[in-house]
Amino acid sequence: MNHLDRVHLQRSLIQLASLLVLILLISGLLALFSLWSLNRAYQADQNRVNELARLLDSGRAAQGHFRSEVQEWKDALLRGADPDQRARYLSSVDAEHSAAQELLLRLRALTNSRAISDLSAQLDAILSAEGSLYLAYRQALDTADPKHWDASLLDRQVAGLDRPLQGQFDGLMKRLTQEIESTVTEAHQRESERYASLRQVLWVAMALSIAVVASLLWRVIGRGSNR
């Protein structure tokens, strides 16, 4: 092999080495992009699930305040003959009503921002029903005679009014739970499809890289053997 042949061989080897480095770099970048893409999709889905979980927690908290409001009302009926006890429990009714309304309004704003129309409609109905129940409690008290306290009469005026609202709260909790479950299912499906697509791209890239390297290597070997 003369000097010119060695120069050509060196150039071919340098080209082959450069190509290998380039292929490794491209493969590494593709792998990093795949990891970044999967992680970004996972984080987006996880943030959505976490947000829905916070909505569910807020809904449960609002339901808890509603139940406390009903219980405080019943305690006010039982102990209303005592003015101090009556004032104490009615103050608790007011506080629980305000807390429930505040949480429901916050939920309503969040569902509006997420454009969940069916949840917004449910919350509108619950807000209206909870407000109507509270007004019914207060109106019943307005008709009561503090000097001749009749708990059974007051109870009959509002008996059963809380049951439909309890069902509405249960429906809201069920709907939020279903939203979380469907979101998780859709996220898993999207991640599986994204993983399959990225895996296919990587396999194609590796196959092309092997073909290019093999072709160049064949040319180098063929050129060397011919000389």
C-alpha atoms as a PDB file:
ATOM      1  CA  MET A   1       0.000   0.000   0.000  1.00  0.00           C
ATOM      2  CA  ASN A   2       1.544   3.249  -1.125  1.00  0.00           C
ATOM      3  CA  HIS A   3       1.344   6.587   0.608  1.00  0.00           C
ATOM      4  CA  LEU A   4      -1.670   7.751  -1.431  1.00  0.00           C
ATOM      5  CA  ASP A   5      -3.594   4.627  -0.524  1.00  0.00           C
ATOM      6  CA  ARG A   6      -2.837   5.156   3.161  1.00  0.00           C
ATOM      7  CA  VAL A   7      -4.051   8.749   2.898  1.00  0.00           C
ATOM      8  CA  HIS A   8      -7.329   7.617   1.320  1.00  0.00           C
ATOM      9  CA  LEU A   9      -7.746   4.907   3.964  1.00  0.00           C
ATOM     10  CA  GLN A  10      -7.107   7.383   6.761  1.00  0.00           C
ATOM     11  CA  ARG A  11      -9.664   9.769   5.294  1.00  0.00           C
ATOM     12  CA  SER A  12     -12.213   6.978   4.998  1.00  0.00           C
ATOM     13  CA  LEU A  13     -11.620   5.913   8.590  1.00  0.00           C
ATOM     14  CA  ILE A  14     -11.917   9.498   9.782  1.00  0.00           C
ATOM     15  CA  GLN A  15     -15.191   9.831   7.873  1.00  0.00           C
ATOM     16  CA  LEU A  16     -16.435   6.586   9.404  1.00  0.00           C
ATOM     17  CA  ALA A  17     -15.454   7.677  12.916  1.00  0.00           C
ATOM     18  CA  SER A  18     -17.057  11.089  12.408  1.00  0.00           C
ATOM     19  CA  LEU A  19     -20.225   9.426  11.178  1.00  0.00           C
ATOM     20  CA  LEU A  20     -20.289   7.118  14.202  1.00  0.00           C
ATOM     21  CA  VAL A  21     -19.918  10.095  16.555  1.00  0.00           C
ATOM     22  CA  LEU A  22     -22.683  11.933  14.705  1.00  0.00           C
ATOM     23  CA  ILE A  23     -24.968   8.910  14.880  1.00  0.00           C
ATOM     24  CA  LEU A  24     -24.293   8.502  18.596  1.00  0.00           C
ATOM     25  CA  LEU A  25     -25.031  12.187  19.135  1.00  0.00           C
ATOM     26  CA  ILE A  26     -28.291  12.049  17.165  1.00  0.00           C
ATOM     27  CA  SER A  27     -29.352   8.834  18.926  1.00  0.00           C
ATOM     28  CA  GLY A  28     -28.617  10.378  22.303  1.00  0.00           C
ATOM     29  CA  LEU A  29     -30.588  13.512  21.434  1.00  0.00           C
ATOM     30  CA  LEU A  30     -33.525  11.408  20.250  1.00  0.00           C
ATOM     31  CA  ALA A  31     -33.437   9.396  23.472  1.00  0.00           C
ATOM     32  CA  LEU A  32     -33.304  12.554  25.585  1.00  0.00           C
ATOM     33  CA  PHE A  33     -36.176  14.068  23.619  1.00  0.00           C
ATOM     34  CA  SER A  34     -38.203  10.890  24.140  1.00  0.00           C
ATOM     35  CA  LEU A  35     -37.601  11.003  27.885  1.00  0.00           C
ATOM     36  CA  TRP A  36     -38.448  14.713  28.009  1.00  0.00           C
ATOM     37  CA  SER A  37     -41.630  14.202  25.983  1.00  0.00           C
ATOM     38  CA  LEU A  38     -42.824  11.306  28.155  1.00  0.00           C
ATOM     39  CA  ASN A  39     -42.009  13.197  31.351  1.00  0.00           C
ATOM     40  CA  ARG A  40     -43.797  16.344  30.158  1.00  0.00           C
ATOM     41  CA  ALA A  41     -46.917  14.347  29.255  1.00  0.00           C
ATOM     42  CA  TYR A  42     -46.798  12.554  32.606  1.00  0.00           C
ATOM     43  CA  GLN A  43     -46.453  15.818  34.543  1.00  0.00           C
ATOM     44  CA  ALA A  44     -49.349  17.411  32.639  1.00  0.00           C
ATOM     45  CA  ASP A  45     -51.589  14.429  33.321  1.00  0.00           C
ATOM     46  CA  GLN A  46     -50.502  14.272  36.953  1.00  0.00           C
ATOM     47  CA  ASN A  47     -51.240  17.974  37.429  1.00  0.00           C
ATOM     48  CA  ARG A  48     -54.724  17.470  36.013  1.00  0.00           C
ATOM     49  CA  VAL A  49     -55.385  14.514  38.315  1.00  0.00           C
ATOM     50  CA  ASN A  50     -54.067  16.454  41.319  1.00  0.00           C
ATOM     51  CA  GLU A  51     -56.288  19.410  40.470  1.00  0.00           C
ATOM     52  CA  LEU A  52     -59.338  17.161  40.215  1.00  0.00           C
ATOM     53  CA  ALA A  53     -58.371  15.554  43.525  1.00  0.00           C
ATOM     54  CA  ARG A  54     -58.306  19.015  45.102  1.00  0.00           C
ATOM     55  CA  LEU A  55     -61.753  19.669  43.664  1.00  0.00           C
ATOM     56  CA  LEU A  56     -62.957  16.426  45.221  1.00  0.00           C
ATOM     57  CA  ASP A  57     -61.448  17.359  48.583  1.00  0.00           C
ATOM     58  CA  SER A  58     -63.129  20.773  48.443  1.00  0.00           C
ATOM     59  CA  GLY A  59     -66.433  19.150  47.548  1.00  0.00           C
ATOM     60  CA  ARG A  60     -66.160  16.758  50.476  1.00  0.00           C
ATOM     61  CA  ALA A  61     -65.297  19.658  52.770  1.00  0.00           C
ATOM     62  CA  ALA A  62     -68.367  21.576  51.569  1.00  0.00           C
ATOM     63  CA  GLN A  63     -70.492  18.491  52.140  1.00  0.00           C
ATOM     64  CA  GLY A  64     -69.050  18.197  55.641  1.00  0.00           C
ATOM     65  CA  HIS A  65     -70.005  21.789  56.440  1.00  0.00           C
ATOM     66  CA  PHE A  66     -73.496  21.166  55.094  1.00  0.00           C
ATOM     67  CA  ARG A  67     -73.902  18.132  57.361  1.00  0.00           C
ATOM     68  CA  SER A  68     -72.624  20.158  60.294  1.00  0.00           C
ATOM     69  CA  GLU A  69     -75.131  22.894  59.447  1.00  0.00           C
ATOM     70  CA  VAL A  70     -77.978  20.369  59.627  1.00  0.00           C
ATOM     71  CA  GLN A  71     -76.664  18.966  62.895  1.00  0.00           C
ATOM     72  CA  GLU A  72     -76.291  22.401  64.444  1.00  0.00           C
ATOM     73  CA  TRP A  73     -79.863  23.178  63.408  1.00  0.00           C
ATOM     74  CA  LYS A  74     -81.101  20.034  65.137  1.00  0.00           C
ATOM     75  CA  ASP A  75     -79.140  20.952  68.260  1.00  0.00           C
ATOM     76  CA  ALA A  76     -80.688  24.421  68.138  1.00  0.00           C
ATOM     77  CA  LEU A  77     -84.150  22.850  68.043  1.00  0.00           C
ATOM     78  CA  LEU A  78     -83.424  20.548  70.976  1.00  0.00           C
ATOM     79  CA  ARG A  79     -81.848  23.247  73.147  1.00  0.00           C
ATOM     80  CA  GLY A  80     -83.619  26.315  71.790  1.00  0.00           C
ATOM     81  CA  ALA A  81     -85.701  26.864  74.905  1.00  0.00           C
ATOM     82  CA  ASP A  82     -82.556  28.253  76.507  1.00  0.00           C
ATOM     83  CA  PRO A  83     -81.839  31.638  74.819  1.00  0.00           C
ATOM     84  CA  ASP A  84     -78.075  31.313  75.289  1.00  0.00           C
ATOM     85  CA  GLN A  85     -77.977  27.795  73.856  1.00  0.00           C
ATOM     86  CA  ARG A  86     -80.261  28.835  71.004  1.00  0.00           C
ATOM     87  CA  ALA A  87     -78.026  31.763  70.099  1.00  0.00           C
ATOM     88  CA  ARG A  88     -74.937  29.580  70.297  1.00  0.00           C
ATOM     89  CA  TYR A  89     -76.215  26.881  67.949  1.00  0.00           C
ATOM     90  CA  LEU A  90     -77.811  29.298  65.530  1.00  0.00           C
ATOM     91  CA  SER A  91     -74.493  31.099  65.299  1.00  0.00           C
ATOM     92  CA  SER A  92     -72.944  27.738  64.387  1.00  0.00           C
ATOM     93  CA  VAL A  93     -75.618  27.229  61.733  1.00  0.00           C
ATOM     94  CA  ASP A  94     -74.675  30.593  60.206  1.00  0.00           C
ATOM     95  CA  ALA A  95     -70.969  29.742  60.293  1.00  0.00           C
ATOM     96  CA  GLU A  96     -71.410  26.320  58.673  1.00  0.00           C
ATOM     97  CA  HIS A  97     -73.663  27.795  55.994  1.00  0.00           C
ATOM     98  CA  SER A  98     -71.090  30.481  55.174  1.00  0.00           C
ATOM     99  CA  ALA A  99     -68.267  27.919  55.030  1.00  0.00           C
ATOM    100  CA  ALA A 100     -70.254  25.624  52.733  1.00  0.00           C
ATOM    101  CA  GLN A 101     -71.182  28.499  50.424  1.00  0.00           C
ATOM    102  CA  GLU A 102     -67.592  29.735  50.248  1.00  0.00           C
ATOM    103  CA  LEU A 103     -66.262  26.305  49.275  1.00  0.00           C
ATOM    104  CA  LEU A 104     -69.023  25.769  46.726  1.00  0.00           C
ATOM    105  CA  LEU A 105     -68.378  29.149  45.121  1.00  0.00           C
ATOM    106  CA  ARG A 106     -64.667  28.356  44.933  1.00  0.00           C
ATOM    107  CA  LEU A 107     -65.478  25.044  43.304  1.00  0.00           C
ATOM    108  CA  ARG A 108     -67.764  26.826  40.880  1.00  0.00           C
ATOM    109  CA  ALA A 109     -64.989  29.193  39.842  1.00  0.00           C
ATOM    110  CA  LEU A 110     -62.549  26.318  39.332  1.00  0.00           C
ATOM    111  CA  THR A 111     -64.977  24.321  37.220  1.00  0.00           C
ATOM    112  CA  ASN A 112     -65.668  27.427  35.125  1.00  0.00           C
ATOM    113  CA  SER A 113     -61.941  27.845  34.477  1.00  0.00           C
ATOM    114  CA  ARG A 114     -61.732  24.199  33.419  1.00  0.00           C
ATOM    115  CA  ALA A 115     -64.911  24.462  31.307  1.00  0.00           C
ATOM    116  CA  ILE A 116     -66.533  21.437  32.971  1.00  0.00           C
ATOM    117  CA  SER A 117     -70.087  22.434  32.118  1.00  0.00           C
ATOM    118  CA  ASP A 118     -71.907  19.521  33.755  1.00  0.00           C
ATOM    119  CA  LEU A 119     -70.087  20.064  37.053  1.00  0.00           C
ATOM    120  CA  SER A 120     -70.882  23.766  36.897  1.00  0.00           C
ATOM    121  CA  ALA A 121     -74.565  22.962  36.469  1.00  0.00           C
ATOM    122  CA  GLN A 122     -74.475  20.578  39.431  1.00  0.00           C
ATOM    123  CA  LEU A 123     -72.786  23.183  41.598  1.00  0.00           C
ATOM    124  CA  ASP A 124     -75.324  25.833  40.600  1.00  0.00           C
ATOM    125  CA  ALA A 125     -78.104  23.524  41.725  1.00  0.00           C
ATOM    126  CA  ILE A 126     -76.356  22.705  45.008  1.00  0.00           C
ATOM    127  CA  LEU A 127     -75.621  26.372  45.739  1.00  0.00           C
ATOM    128  CA  SER A 128     -79.251  27.249  45.161  1.00  0.00           C
ATOM    129  CA  ALA A 129     -80.560  24.319  47.224  1.00  0.00           C
ATOM    130  CA  GLU A 130     -78.192  24.993  50.126  1.00  0.00           C
ATOM    131  CA  GLY A 131     -79.152  28.666  50.165  1.00  0.00           C
ATOM    132  CA  SER A 132     -82.856  27.773  50.092  1.00  0.00           C
ATOM    133  CA  LEU A 133     -82.426  25.324  52.980  1.00  0.00           C
ATOM    134  CA  TYR A 134     -80.666  27.947  55.070  1.00  0.00           C
ATOM    135  CA  LEU A 135     -83.443  30.451  54.366  1.00  0.00           C
ATOM    136  CA  ALA A 136     -86.013  27.850  55.363  1.00  0.00           C
ATOM    137  CA  TYR A 137     -84.214  27.382  58.680  1.00  0.00           C
ATOM    138  CA  ARG A 138     -84.129  31.117  59.325  1.00  0.00           C
ATOM    139  CA  GLN A 139     -87.768  31.631  58.295  1.00  0.00           C
ATOM    140  CA  ALA A 140     -88.844  28.840  60.620  1.00  0.00           C
ATOM    141  CA  LEU A 141     -87.073  30.611  63.453  1.00  0.00           C
ATOM    142  CA  ASP A 142     -88.764  33.900  62.598  1.00  0.00           C
ATOM    143  CA  THR A 143     -92.140  32.284  63.229  1.00  0.00           C
ATOM    144  CA  ALA A 144     -91.065  30.684  66.508  1.00  0.00           C
ATOM    145  CA  ASP A 145     -92.197  31.998  69.881  1.00  0.00           C
ATOM    146  CA  PRO A 146     -89.103  32.181  72.109  1.00  0.00           C
ATOM    147  CA  LYS A 147     -91.266  32.103  75.230  1.00  0.00           C
ATOM    148  CA  HIS A 148     -93.115  28.952  74.167  1.00  0.00           C
ATOM    149  CA  TRP A 149     -90.429  27.028  72.311  1.00  0.00           C
ATOM    150  CA  ASP A 150     -91.905  24.155  70.282  1.00  0.00           C
ATOM    151  CA  ALA A 151     -89.096  22.130  68.711  1.00  0.00           C
ATOM    152  CA  SER A 152     -91.430  19.596  67.089  1.00  0.00           C
ATOM    153  CA  LEU A 153     -93.409  22.357  65.338  1.00  0.00           C
ATOM    154  CA  LEU A 154     -90.249  23.950  63.968  1.00  0.00           C
ATOM    155  CA  ASP A 155     -88.917  20.583  62.879  1.00  0.00           C
ATOM    156  CA  ARG A 156     -92.088  19.815  60.913  1.00  0.00           C
ATOM    157  CA  GLN A 157     -91.659  23.046  58.946  1.00  0.00           C
ATOM    158  CA  VAL A 158     -88.307  21.960  57.527  1.00  0.00           C
ATOM    159  CA  ALA A 159     -88.514  18.180  57.882  1.00  0.00           C
ATOM    160  CA  GLY A 160     -86.871  16.362  54.969  1.00  0.00           C
ATOM    161  CA  LEU A 161     -85.659  19.481  53.191  1.00  0.00           C
ATOM    162  CA  ASP A 162     -82.031  18.450  53.650  1.00  0.00           C
ATOM    163  CA  ARG A 163     -82.394  14.985  52.080  1.00  0.00           C
ATOM    164  CA  PRO A 164     -82.525  16.021  48.397  1.00  0.00           C
ATOM    165  CA  LEU A 165     -79.501  18.247  48.965  1.00  0.00           C
ATOM    166  CA  GLN A 166     -77.627  15.358  50.526  1.00  0.00           C
ATOM    167  CA  GLY A 167     -78.361  13.368  47.370  1.00  0.00           C
ATOM    168  CA  GLN A 168     -77.081  16.239  45.227  1.00  0.00           C
ATOM    169  CA  PHE A 169     -73.838  16.330  47.196  1.00  0.00           C
ATOM    170  CA  ASP A 170     -73.449  12.569  46.781  1.00  0.00           C
ATOM    171  CA  GLY A 171     -74.019  12.980  43.043  1.00  0.00           C
ATOM    172  CA  LEU A 172     -71.343  15.679  42.884  1.00  0.00           C
ATOM    173  CA  MET A 173     -68.841  13.474  44.702  1.00  0.00           C
ATOM    174  CA  LYS A 174     -69.621  10.610  42.325  1.00  0.00           C
ATOM    175  CA  ARG A 175     -69.185  12.856  39.283  1.00  0.00           C
ATOM    176  CA  LEU A 176     -65.831  14.167  40.510  1.00  0.00           C
ATOM    177  CA  THR A 177     -64.645  10.627  41.228  1.00  0.00           C
ATOM    178  CA  GLN A 178     -65.673   9.541  37.724  1.00  0.00           C
ATOM    179  CA  GLU A 179     -63.822  12.527  36.265  1.00  0.00           C
ATOM    180  CA  ILE A 180     -60.644  11.484  38.077  1.00  0.00           C
ATOM    181  CA  GLU A 181     -60.988   7.868  36.961  1.00  0.00           C
ATOM    182  CA  SER A 182     -61.604   8.812  33.309  1.00  0.00           C
ATOM    183  CA  THR A 183     -58.687  11.259  33.396  1.00  0.00           C
ATOM    184  CA  VAL A 184     -56.352   8.565  34.719  1.00  0.00           C
ATOM    185  CA  THR A 185     -57.553   6.088  32.073  1.00  0.00           C
ATOM    186  CA  GLU A 186     -57.114   8.611  29.256  1.00  0.00           C
ATOM    187  CA  ALA A 187     -53.674   9.576  30.574  1.00  0.00           C
ATOM    188  CA  HIS A 188     -52.516   5.957  30.593  1.00  0.00           C
ATOM    189  CA  GLN A 189     -53.773   5.510  27.039  1.00  0.00           C
ATOM    190  CA  ARG A 190     -52.047   8.674  25.807  1.00  0.00           C
ATOM    191  CA  GLU A 191     -48.792   7.725  27.512  1.00  0.00           C
ATOM    192  CA  SER A 192     -48.906   4.234  25.997  1.00  0.00           C
ATOM    193  CA  GLU A 193     -49.505   5.637  22.519  1.00  0.00           C
ATOM    194  CA  ARG A 194     -46.751   8.228  22.942  1.00  0.00           C
ATOM    195  CA  TYR A 195     -44.327   5.572  24.173  1.00  0.00           C
ATOM    196  CA  ALA A 196     -45.144   3.309  21.193  1.00  0.00           C
ATOM    197  CA  SER A 197     -44.627   6.183  18.726  1.00  0.00           C
ATOM    198  CA  LEU A 198     -41.316   7.266  20.248  1.00  0.00           C
ATOM    199  CA  ARG A 199     -40.091   3.682  20.420  1.00  0.00           C
ATOM    200  CA  GLN A 200     -40.878   3.237  16.733  1.00  0.00           C
ATOM    201  CA  VAL A 201     -38.986   6.424  15.864  1.00  0.00           C
ATOM    202  CA  LEU A 202     -35.949   5.232  17.829  1.00  0.00           C
ATOM    203  CA  TRP A 203     -35.993   1.808  16.154  1.00  0.00           C
ATOM    204  CA  VAL A 204     -36.195   3.426  12.703  1.00  0.00           C
ATOM    205  CA  ALA A 205     -33.357   5.807  13.594  1.00  0.00           C
ATOM    206  CA  MET A 206     -31.177   2.918  14.798  1.00  0.00           C
ATOM    207  CA  ALA A 207     -31.939   0.877  11.677  1.00  0.00           C
ATOM    208  CA  LEU A 208     -31.011   3.784   9.404  1.00  0.00           C
ATOM    209  CA  SER A 209     -27.834   4.418  11.406  1.00  0.00           C
ATOM    210  CA  ILE A 210     -26.772   0.788  11.107  1.00  0.00           C
ATOM    211  CA  ALA A 211     -27.498   0.826   7.362  1.00  0.00           C
ATOM    212  CA  VAL A 212     -25.480   4.006   6.805  1.00  0.00           C
ATOM    213  CA  VAL A 213     -22.527   2.761   8.868  1.00  0.00           C
ATOM    214  CA  ALA A 214     -22.592  -0.630   7.147  1.00  0.00           C
ATOM    215  CA  SER A 215     -22.669   1.033   3.736  1.00  0.00           C
ATOM    216  CA  LEU A 216     -19.709   3.279   4.517  1.00  0.00           C
ATOM    217  CA  LEU A 217     -17.785   0.437   6.118  1.00  0.00           C
ATOM    218  CA  TRP A 218     -18.396  -1.722   3.048  1.00  0.00           C
ATOM    219  CA  ARG A 219     -17.052   1.043   0.844  1.00  0.00           C
ATOM    220  CA  VAL A 220     -13.927   1.376   2.985  1.00  0.00           C
ATOM    221  CA  ILE A 221     -13.294  -2.371   3.006  1.00  0.00           C
ATOM    222  CA  GLY A 222     -14.016  -2.640  -0.712  1.00  0.00           C
ATOM    223  CA  ARG A 223     -11.685   0.230  -1.529  1.00  0.00           C
ATOM    224  CA  GLY A 224      -8.950  -1.326   0.583  1.00  0.00           C
ATOM    225  CA  SER A 225      -9.286  -4.770  -0.948  1.00  0.00           C
ATOM    226  CA  ASN A 226      -9.262  -3.384  -4.477  1.00  0.00           C
ATOM    227  CA  ARG A 227      -5.924  -1.769  -3.788  1.00  0.00           C
END
